[in-house]
Amino acid sequence: MAARLYELHREASSDEGYLELWPGDRELFGVLGFAQEHAHRLKGEAYRAAAVLRMQLAEWLRLAADPFQLSAIDDARASGTSWRELALKLRYLDRLGEPNAGSAMNLRKRLYVAVNGQPGDRRQPQVADLIDRRAMEARLAEARFIKSGEARYAELDAAARTLLKHYVAGEIRSDPDDDGFWLEQLAEVVDDRRDASERANLVVYVRGVIRETSAYARRSKQPPATTDQARQALEAATALVDPSG
């Protein structure tokens, strides 16, 4: 956006002396000030295009500042600054001219939504509580996932190693035109499960290998395994990662 603004001014003006004042593409706030100050130098379509770019740049700068203001508020609060004082500094005053602490608190919540929310979240204070609930649910789901992974890790680790053994022996078919991504990934990670989260994630790689194998079997119209032992290994691994079948 900054570079395009510069080009609009360079192309539209015969007087390039003022362009020496250009602050540089990385000084975006300075670019916005420059473009607004010298907007009158542009005409027609260039004037219109530059105005739209200024609008976009101002919006980008406003959104880019949100994480910094949120962090500053949290740091100020952590160091003992009251909501009332923050409201005074922000000029959030009630009808009597007194600092409105609630407005400062709501600003923090709106910033929290903007920084931590999902794209469709409305930037309203009450949505901050929804984001916290989502985060809590995600943490609980992760804890359940890890607990489940720990409970079946020994079986899954054995199943993964058995699958790799049959793949190496050529007893489980793989697409010769494919890069074997999941198989390579499983071979890389099976010996590198250091903590509970990594052990739980082993299921992702085993499931990927099984899906890749099943997809090739359907495309090639061949059984996925060439021996009974390999077929049984696939079935056992499938039962572990997808008990529903």
C-alpha atoms as a PDB file:
ATOM      1  CA  MET A   1       0.000   0.000   0.000  1.00  0.00           C
ATOM      2  CA  ALA A   2       2.784   2.418   0.909  1.00  0.00           C
ATOM      3  CA  ALA A   3       4.704   1.690  -2.279  1.00  0.00           C
ATOM      4  CA  ARG A   4       1.576   2.151  -4.399  1.00  0.00           C
ATOM      5  CA  LEU A   5       0.869   5.508  -2.751  1.00  0.00           C
ATOM      6  CA  TYR A   6       4.379   6.632  -3.602  1.00  0.00           C
ATOM      7  CA  GLU A   7       3.946   5.533  -7.209  1.00  0.00           C
ATOM      8  CA  LEU A   8       0.670   7.439  -7.511  1.00  0.00           C
ATOM      9  CA  HIS A   9       2.386  10.638  -6.373  1.00  0.00           C
ATOM     10  CA  ARG A  10       5.471  10.057  -8.505  1.00  0.00           C
ATOM     11  CA  GLU A  11       3.417   9.382 -11.637  1.00  0.00           C
ATOM     12  CA  ALA A  12       0.910  12.216 -11.146  1.00  0.00           C
ATOM     13  CA  SER A  13       3.146  15.129 -10.241  1.00  0.00           C
ATOM     14  CA  SER A  14       5.624  17.026 -12.357  1.00  0.00           C
ATOM     15  CA  ASP A  15       6.932  18.694  -9.205  1.00  0.00           C
ATOM     16  CA  GLU A  16       8.930  15.926  -7.557  1.00  0.00           C
ATOM     17  CA  GLY A  17      10.600  18.147  -4.973  1.00  0.00           C
ATOM     18  CA  TYR A  18       8.079  17.295  -2.284  1.00  0.00           C
ATOM     19  CA  LEU A  19       8.690  13.567  -2.854  1.00  0.00           C
ATOM     20  CA  GLU A  20      12.042  14.055  -1.161  1.00  0.00           C
ATOM     21  CA  LEU A  21      10.023  14.323   2.056  1.00  0.00           C
ATOM     22  CA  TRP A  22       8.701  10.770   1.581  1.00  0.00           C
ATOM     23  CA  PRO A  23       9.321   9.008   4.925  1.00  0.00           C
ATOM     24  CA  GLY A  24      10.047   5.585   3.421  1.00  0.00           C
ATOM     25  CA  ASP A  25       7.801   2.582   2.914  1.00  0.00           C
ATOM     26  CA  ARG A  26       8.530   1.184   6.379  1.00  0.00           C
ATOM     27  CA  GLU A  27       7.444   4.348   8.229  1.00  0.00           C
ATOM     28  CA  LEU A  28       3.768   3.625   7.724  1.00  0.00           C
ATOM     29  CA  PHE A  29       2.347   6.262  10.036  1.00  0.00           C
ATOM     30  CA  GLY A  30       4.570   8.817   8.351  1.00  0.00           C
ATOM     31  CA  VAL A  31       3.413   7.565   4.953  1.00  0.00           C
ATOM     32  CA  LEU A  32      -0.204   8.053   6.007  1.00  0.00           C
ATOM     33  CA  GLY A  33       0.511  11.609   7.157  1.00  0.00           C
ATOM     34  CA  PHE A  34       2.428  12.402   3.980  1.00  0.00           C
ATOM     35  CA  ALA A  35      -0.279  10.994   1.724  1.00  0.00           C
ATOM     36  CA  GLN A  36      -2.993  12.964   3.495  1.00  0.00           C
ATOM     37  CA  GLU A  37      -1.018  16.203   3.544  1.00  0.00           C
ATOM     38  CA  HIS A  38      -0.272  16.003  -0.164  1.00  0.00           C
ATOM     39  CA  ALA A  39      -3.532  14.440  -1.330  1.00  0.00           C
ATOM     40  CA  HIS A  40      -4.469  17.670  -3.143  1.00  0.00           C
ATOM     41  CA  ARG A  41      -1.606  17.138  -5.577  1.00  0.00           C
ATOM     42  CA  LEU A  42      -3.447  14.202  -7.166  1.00  0.00           C
ATOM     43  CA  LYS A  43      -6.354  14.436  -9.577  1.00  0.00           C
ATOM     44  CA  GLY A  44      -9.052  12.171 -10.947  1.00  0.00           C
ATOM     45  CA  GLU A  45      -8.516   8.432 -10.646  1.00  0.00           C
ATOM     46  CA  ALA A  46      -5.172   8.880  -8.875  1.00  0.00           C
ATOM     47  CA  TYR A  47      -6.874  11.002  -6.195  1.00  0.00           C
ATOM     48  CA  ARG A  48      -9.598   8.386  -5.721  1.00  0.00           C
ATOM     49  CA  ALA A  49      -7.164   5.440  -5.628  1.00  0.00           C
ATOM     50  CA  ALA A  50      -4.919   7.213  -3.129  1.00  0.00           C
ATOM     51  CA  ALA A  51      -7.872   7.990  -0.860  1.00  0.00           C
ATOM     52  CA  VAL A  52      -8.849   4.312  -0.807  1.00  0.00           C
ATOM     53  CA  LEU A  53      -5.270   3.305  -0.052  1.00  0.00           C
ATOM     54  CA  ARG A  54      -5.105   5.825   2.799  1.00  0.00           C
ATOM     55  CA  MET A  55      -8.282   4.333   4.232  1.00  0.00           C
ATOM     56  CA  GLN A  56      -6.852   0.808   4.032  1.00  0.00           C
ATOM     57  CA  LEU A  57      -3.543   1.851   5.527  1.00  0.00           C
ATOM     58  CA  ALA A  58      -5.246   3.662   8.419  1.00  0.00           C
ATOM     59  CA  GLU A  59      -7.330   0.570   9.158  1.00  0.00           C
ATOM     60  CA  TRP A  60      -4.264  -1.665   9.018  1.00  0.00           C
ATOM     61  CA  LEU A  61      -2.377   0.620  11.402  1.00  0.00           C
ATOM     62  CA  ARG A  62      -5.320   0.717  13.806  1.00  0.00           C
ATOM     63  CA  LEU A  63      -5.586  -3.067  13.898  1.00  0.00           C
ATOM     64  CA  ALA A  64      -1.820  -3.501  14.093  1.00  0.00           C
ATOM     65  CA  ALA A  65      -1.750  -1.337  17.208  1.00  0.00           C
ATOM     66  CA  ASP A  66      -4.313  -3.457  19.080  1.00  0.00           C
ATOM     67  CA  PRO A  67      -1.859  -6.053  20.466  1.00  0.00           C
ATOM     68  CA  PHE A  68       0.448  -3.285  21.686  1.00  0.00           C
ATOM     69  CA  GLN A  69      -2.316  -1.418  23.482  1.00  0.00           C
ATOM     70  CA  LEU A  70      -3.652  -4.628  25.034  1.00  0.00           C
ATOM     71  CA  SER A  71      -0.190  -5.526  26.301  1.00  0.00           C
ATOM     72  CA  ALA A  72       0.326  -2.017  27.649  1.00  0.00           C
ATOM     73  CA  ILE A  73      -2.978  -2.099  29.550  1.00  0.00           C
ATOM     74  CA  ASP A  74      -2.188  -5.517  31.029  1.00  0.00           C
ATOM     75  CA  ASP A  75       1.305  -4.389  32.046  1.00  0.00           C
ATOM     76  CA  ALA A  76      -0.094  -1.221  33.625  1.00  0.00           C
ATOM     77  CA  ARG A  77      -2.674  -3.223  35.545  1.00  0.00           C
ATOM     78  CA  ALA A  78      -0.090  -5.782  36.672  1.00  0.00           C
ATOM     79  CA  SER A  79       2.094  -2.972  38.004  1.00  0.00           C
ATOM     80  CA  GLY A  80      -0.730  -1.561  40.099  1.00  0.00           C
ATOM     81  CA  THR A  81      -2.442   1.010  37.885  1.00  0.00           C
ATOM     82  CA  SER A  82      -6.162   1.290  38.660  1.00  0.00           C
ATOM     83  CA  TRP A  83      -8.900   1.184  36.048  1.00  0.00           C
ATOM     84  CA  ARG A  84      -9.865   4.675  37.155  1.00  0.00           C
ATOM     85  CA  GLU A  85      -6.397   6.019  36.378  1.00  0.00           C
ATOM     86  CA  LEU A  86      -6.366   4.298  33.000  1.00  0.00           C
ATOM     87  CA  ALA A  87      -9.748   5.822  32.207  1.00  0.00           C
ATOM     88  CA  LEU A  88      -8.388   9.251  33.137  1.00  0.00           C
ATOM     89  CA  LYS A  89      -5.351   8.808  30.861  1.00  0.00           C
ATOM     90  CA  LEU A  90      -7.621   7.636  28.033  1.00  0.00           C
ATOM     91  CA  ARG A  91     -10.040  10.540  28.650  1.00  0.00           C
ATOM     92  CA  TYR A  92     -12.927   8.195  29.327  1.00  0.00           C
ATOM     93  CA  LEU A  93     -15.080  10.491  31.471  1.00  0.00           C
ATOM     94  CA  ASP A  94     -18.670  10.347  32.658  1.00  0.00           C
ATOM     95  CA  ARG A  95     -21.211  13.170  32.541  1.00  0.00           C
ATOM     96  CA  LEU A  96     -19.697  14.724  35.639  1.00  0.00           C
ATOM     97  CA  GLY A  97     -16.209  14.670  34.180  1.00  0.00           C
ATOM     98  CA  GLU A  98     -15.108  11.809  36.424  1.00  0.00           C
ATOM     99  CA  PRO A  99     -12.988   8.919  35.052  1.00  0.00           C
ATOM    100  CA  ASN A 100     -15.211   6.037  33.911  1.00  0.00           C
ATOM    101  CA  ALA A 101     -13.391   2.870  34.974  1.00  0.00           C
ATOM    102  CA  GLY A 102     -15.980   0.659  33.245  1.00  0.00           C
ATOM    103  CA  SER A 103     -15.157   2.192  29.871  1.00  0.00           C
ATOM    104  CA  ALA A 104     -11.475   1.390  30.339  1.00  0.00           C
ATOM    105  CA  MET A 105     -12.350  -2.174  31.308  1.00  0.00           C
ATOM    106  CA  ASN A 106     -14.551  -2.527  28.229  1.00  0.00           C
ATOM    107  CA  LEU A 107     -11.753  -1.199  26.023  1.00  0.00           C
ATOM    108  CA  ARG A 108      -9.499  -3.932  27.346  1.00  0.00           C
ATOM    109  CA  LYS A 109     -12.163  -6.549  26.591  1.00  0.00           C
ATOM    110  CA  ARG A 110     -12.683  -5.240  23.053  1.00  0.00           C
ATOM    111  CA  LEU A 111      -8.939  -5.338  22.455  1.00  0.00           C
ATOM    112  CA  TYR A 112      -8.839  -8.858  23.850  1.00  0.00           C
ATOM    113  CA  VAL A 113     -11.487  -9.889  21.315  1.00  0.00           C
ATOM    114  CA  ALA A 114      -9.617  -8.207  18.472  1.00  0.00           C
ATOM    115  CA  VAL A 115      -6.314  -9.877  19.345  1.00  0.00           C
ATOM    116  CA  ASN A 116      -7.482 -13.328  20.481  1.00  0.00           C
ATOM    117  CA  GLY A 117     -10.847 -13.772  18.816  1.00  0.00           C
ATOM    118  CA  GLN A 118     -11.873 -15.479  15.623  1.00  0.00           C
ATOM    119  CA  PRO A 119     -12.390 -13.520  12.378  1.00  0.00           C
ATOM    120  CA  GLY A 120     -16.167 -13.493  12.755  1.00  0.00           C
ATOM    121  CA  ASP A 121     -16.216 -12.306  16.355  1.00  0.00           C
ATOM    122  CA  ARG A 122     -17.867  -8.954  16.936  1.00  0.00           C
ATOM    123  CA  ARG A 123     -15.596  -6.569  18.768  1.00  0.00           C
ATOM    124  CA  GLN A 124     -17.776  -6.283  21.855  1.00  0.00           C
ATOM    125  CA  PRO A 125     -16.813  -6.624  25.534  1.00  0.00           C
ATOM    126  CA  GLN A 126     -19.085  -9.607  26.202  1.00  0.00           C
ATOM    127  CA  VAL A 127     -17.359 -11.645  23.493  1.00  0.00           C
ATOM    128  CA  ALA A 128     -14.211 -11.690  25.656  1.00  0.00           C
ATOM    129  CA  ASP A 129     -15.942 -14.131  28.009  1.00  0.00           C
ATOM    130  CA  LEU A 130     -16.820 -16.354  25.047  1.00  0.00           C
ATOM    131  CA  ILE A 131     -13.156 -16.408  23.977  1.00  0.00           C
ATOM    132  CA  ASP A 132     -12.118 -17.432  27.482  1.00  0.00           C
ATOM    133  CA  ARG A 133     -14.675 -20.251  27.442  1.00  0.00           C
ATOM    134  CA  ARG A 134     -13.374 -21.424  24.063  1.00  0.00           C
ATOM    135  CA  ALA A 135      -9.818 -21.418  25.392  1.00  0.00           C
ATOM    136  CA  MET A 136     -10.864 -23.404  28.461  1.00  0.00           C
ATOM    137  CA  GLU A 137     -12.727 -25.936  26.312  1.00  0.00           C
ATOM    138  CA  ALA A 138      -9.685 -26.262  24.055  1.00  0.00           C
ATOM    139  CA  ARG A 139      -7.425 -26.868  27.076  1.00  0.00           C
ATOM    140  CA  LEU A 140      -9.822 -29.504  28.436  1.00  0.00           C
ATOM    141  CA  ALA A 141     -10.047 -31.196  25.038  1.00  0.00           C
ATOM    142  CA  GLU A 142      -6.241 -31.213  24.792  1.00  0.00           C
ATOM    143  CA  ALA A 143      -5.984 -32.710  28.284  1.00  0.00           C
ATOM    144  CA  ARG A 144      -8.465 -35.448  27.346  1.00  0.00           C
ATOM    145  CA  PHE A 145      -6.559 -36.122  24.138  1.00  0.00           C
ATOM    146  CA  ILE A 146      -3.258 -36.439  26.018  1.00  0.00           C
ATOM    147  CA  LYS A 147      -4.791 -38.647  28.703  1.00  0.00           C
ATOM    148  CA  SER A 148      -6.284 -40.924  26.066  1.00  0.00           C
ATOM    149  CA  GLY A 149      -2.977 -41.000  24.185  1.00  0.00           C
ATOM    150  CA  GLU A 150      -1.044 -41.956  27.310  1.00  0.00           C
ATOM    151  CA  ALA A 151      -3.460 -44.794  28.028  1.00  0.00           C
ATOM    152  CA  ARG A 152      -2.975 -46.401  24.610  1.00  0.00           C
ATOM    153  CA  TYR A 153       0.550 -45.257  23.804  1.00  0.00           C
ATOM    154  CA  ALA A 154       2.232 -48.633  24.365  1.00  0.00           C
ATOM    155  CA  GLU A 155      -0.210 -50.356  22.002  1.00  0.00           C
ATOM    156  CA  LEU A 156      -0.020 -47.565  19.432  1.00  0.00           C
ATOM    157  CA  ASP A 157       3.774 -47.485  19.531  1.00  0.00           C
ATOM    158  CA  ALA A 158       3.895 -51.253  18.926  1.00  0.00           C
ATOM    159  CA  ALA A 159       1.340 -50.932  16.103  1.00  0.00           C
ATOM    160  CA  ALA A 160       3.324 -48.125  14.475  1.00  0.00           C
ATOM    161  CA  ARG A 161       6.552 -50.125  14.539  1.00  0.00           C
ATOM    162  CA  THR A 162       4.789 -53.167  13.128  1.00  0.00           C
ATOM    163  CA  LEU A 163       3.353 -51.095  10.287  1.00  0.00           C
ATOM    164  CA  LEU A 164       6.802 -49.725   9.461  1.00  0.00           C
ATOM    165  CA  LYS A 165       8.273 -53.228   9.474  1.00  0.00           C
ATOM    166  CA  HIS A 166       5.692 -54.437   6.941  1.00  0.00           C
ATOM    167  CA  TYR A 167       6.120 -51.340   4.794  1.00  0.00           C
ATOM    168  CA  VAL A 168       9.887 -51.858   4.672  1.00  0.00           C
ATOM    169  CA  ALA A 169       9.297 -55.499   3.724  1.00  0.00           C
ATOM    170  CA  GLY A 170       7.022 -54.409   0.884  1.00  0.00           C
ATOM    171  CA  GLU A 171       4.037 -56.198   2.377  1.00  0.00           C
ATOM    172  CA  ILE A 172       1.882 -53.064   2.577  1.00  0.00           C
ATOM    173  CA  ARG A 173       1.255 -51.415  -0.752  1.00  0.00           C
ATOM    174  CA  SER A 174       2.099 -47.758  -1.274  1.00  0.00           C
ATOM    175  CA  ASP A 175       1.605 -45.538  -4.296  1.00  0.00           C
ATOM    176  CA  PRO A 176       4.866 -45.489  -6.302  1.00  0.00           C
ATOM    177  CA  ASP A 177       3.873 -42.085  -7.702  1.00  0.00           C
ATOM    178  CA  ASP A 178       3.278 -40.604  -4.244  1.00  0.00           C
ATOM    179  CA  ASP A 179       5.928 -39.102  -1.982  1.00  0.00           C
ATOM    180  CA  GLY A 180       4.913 -41.329   0.935  1.00  0.00           C
ATOM    181  CA  PHE A 181       4.609 -38.312   3.213  1.00  0.00           C
ATOM    182  CA  TRP A 182       2.857 -39.970   6.143  1.00  0.00           C
ATOM    183  CA  LEU A 183       5.052 -43.058   6.032  1.00  0.00           C
ATOM    184  CA  GLU A 184       8.193 -40.911   6.104  1.00  0.00           C
ATOM    185  CA  GLN A 185       6.778 -38.795   8.906  1.00  0.00           C
ATOM    186  CA  LEU A 186       5.902 -41.851  10.988  1.00  0.00           C
ATOM    187  CA  ALA A 187       9.390 -43.280  10.523  1.00  0.00           C
ATOM    188  CA  GLU A 188      10.887 -39.979  11.691  1.00  0.00           C
ATOM    189  CA  VAL A 189       8.770 -39.487  14.795  1.00  0.00           C
ATOM    190  CA  VAL A 190       8.258 -42.985  16.167  1.00  0.00           C
ATOM    191  CA  ASP A 191      11.512 -42.856  18.178  1.00  0.00           C
ATOM    192  CA  ASP A 192      11.103 -39.224  19.201  1.00  0.00           C
ATOM    193  CA  ARG A 193       8.126 -39.143  21.594  1.00  0.00           C
ATOM    194  CA  ARG A 194       9.569 -37.315  24.589  1.00  0.00           C
ATOM    195  CA  ASP A 195       6.549 -36.009  26.475  1.00  0.00           C
ATOM    196  CA  ALA A 196       2.868 -36.790  26.934  1.00  0.00           C
ATOM    197  CA  SER A 197       1.738 -34.397  24.199  1.00  0.00           C
ATOM    198  CA  GLU A 198       4.143 -35.868  21.640  1.00  0.00           C
ATOM    199  CA  ARG A 199       3.165 -39.402  22.596  1.00  0.00           C
ATOM    200  CA  ALA A 200      -0.502 -38.527  22.148  1.00  0.00           C
ATOM    201  CA  ASN A 201       0.228 -37.048  18.711  1.00  0.00           C
ATOM    202  CA  LEU A 202       1.588 -40.359  17.456  1.00  0.00           C
ATOM    203  CA  VAL A 203      -2.009 -41.224  16.576  1.00  0.00           C
ATOM    204  CA  VAL A 204      -1.999 -38.454  13.944  1.00  0.00           C
ATOM    205  CA  TYR A 205       0.845 -40.093  12.017  1.00  0.00           C
ATOM    206  CA  VAL A 206      -0.521 -43.616  12.294  1.00  0.00           C
ATOM    207  CA  ARG A 207      -3.916 -42.407  11.117  1.00  0.00           C
ATOM    208  CA  GLY A 208      -2.283 -40.599   8.197  1.00  0.00           C
ATOM    209  CA  VAL A 209      -0.452 -43.765   7.094  1.00  0.00           C
ATOM    210  CA  ILE A 210      -3.651 -45.798   7.257  1.00  0.00           C
ATOM    211  CA  ARG A 211      -5.646 -43.253   5.276  1.00  0.00           C
ATOM    212  CA  GLU A 212      -2.907 -42.963   2.659  1.00  0.00           C
ATOM    213  CA  THR A 213      -2.758 -46.765   2.335  1.00  0.00           C
ATOM    214  CA  SER A 214      -6.536 -47.138   2.127  1.00  0.00           C
ATOM    215  CA  ALA A 215      -6.812 -44.404  -0.485  1.00  0.00           C
ATOM    216  CA  TYR A 216      -4.224 -46.103  -2.714  1.00  0.00           C
ATOM    217  CA  ALA A 217      -5.946 -49.468  -2.303  1.00  0.00           C
ATOM    218  CA  ARG A 218      -9.212 -47.945  -3.525  1.00  0.00           C
ATOM    219  CA  ARG A 219      -7.524 -46.211  -6.478  1.00  0.00           C
ATOM    220  CA  SER A 220      -5.568 -49.268  -7.535  1.00  0.00           C
ATOM    221  CA  LYS A 221      -8.398 -51.712  -6.743  1.00  0.00           C
ATOM    222  CA  GLN A 222      -5.922 -53.932  -4.916  1.00  0.00           C
ATOM    223  CA  PRO A 223      -5.870 -55.134  -1.321  1.00  0.00           C
ATOM    224  CA  PRO A 224      -3.705 -52.863   0.849  1.00  0.00           C
ATOM    225  CA  ALA A 225      -1.560 -55.742   2.127  1.00  0.00           C
ATOM    226  CA  THR A 226       0.093 -58.677   0.405  1.00  0.00           C
ATOM    227  CA  THR A 227       0.358 -60.959   3.447  1.00  0.00           C
ATOM    228  CA  ASP A 228      -1.987 -61.974   6.254  1.00  0.00           C
ATOM    229  CA  GLN A 229       0.416 -60.592   8.852  1.00  0.00           C
ATOM    230  CA  ALA A 230       0.508 -57.187   7.160  1.00  0.00           C
ATOM    231  CA  ARG A 231      -3.277 -57.152   6.784  1.00  0.00           C
ATOM    232  CA  GLN A 232      -3.660 -57.962  10.475  1.00  0.00           C
ATOM    233  CA  ALA A 233      -1.210 -55.186  11.365  1.00  0.00           C
ATOM    234  CA  LEU A 234      -3.278 -52.686   9.378  1.00  0.00           C
ATOM    235  CA  GLU A 235      -6.505 -53.876  10.987  1.00  0.00           C
ATOM    236  CA  ALA A 236      -5.027 -53.680  14.476  1.00  0.00           C
ATOM    237  CA  ALA A 237      -3.695 -50.160  13.893  1.00  0.00           C
ATOM    238  CA  THR A 238      -7.023 -49.071  12.402  1.00  0.00           C
ATOM    239  CA  ALA A 239      -8.877 -50.357  15.447  1.00  0.00           C
ATOM    240  CA  LEU A 240      -6.607 -48.270  17.693  1.00  0.00           C
ATOM    241  CA  VAL A 241      -6.931 -44.991  15.802  1.00  0.00           C
ATOM    242  CA  ASP A 242     -10.537 -45.395  14.709  1.00  0.00           C
ATOM    243  CA  PRO A 243     -12.444 -47.729  17.044  1.00  0.00           C
ATOM    244  CA  SER A 244     -15.687 -46.983  15.196  1.00  0.00           C
ATOM    245  CA  GLY A 245     -14.230 -48.630  12.106  1.00  0.00           C
END
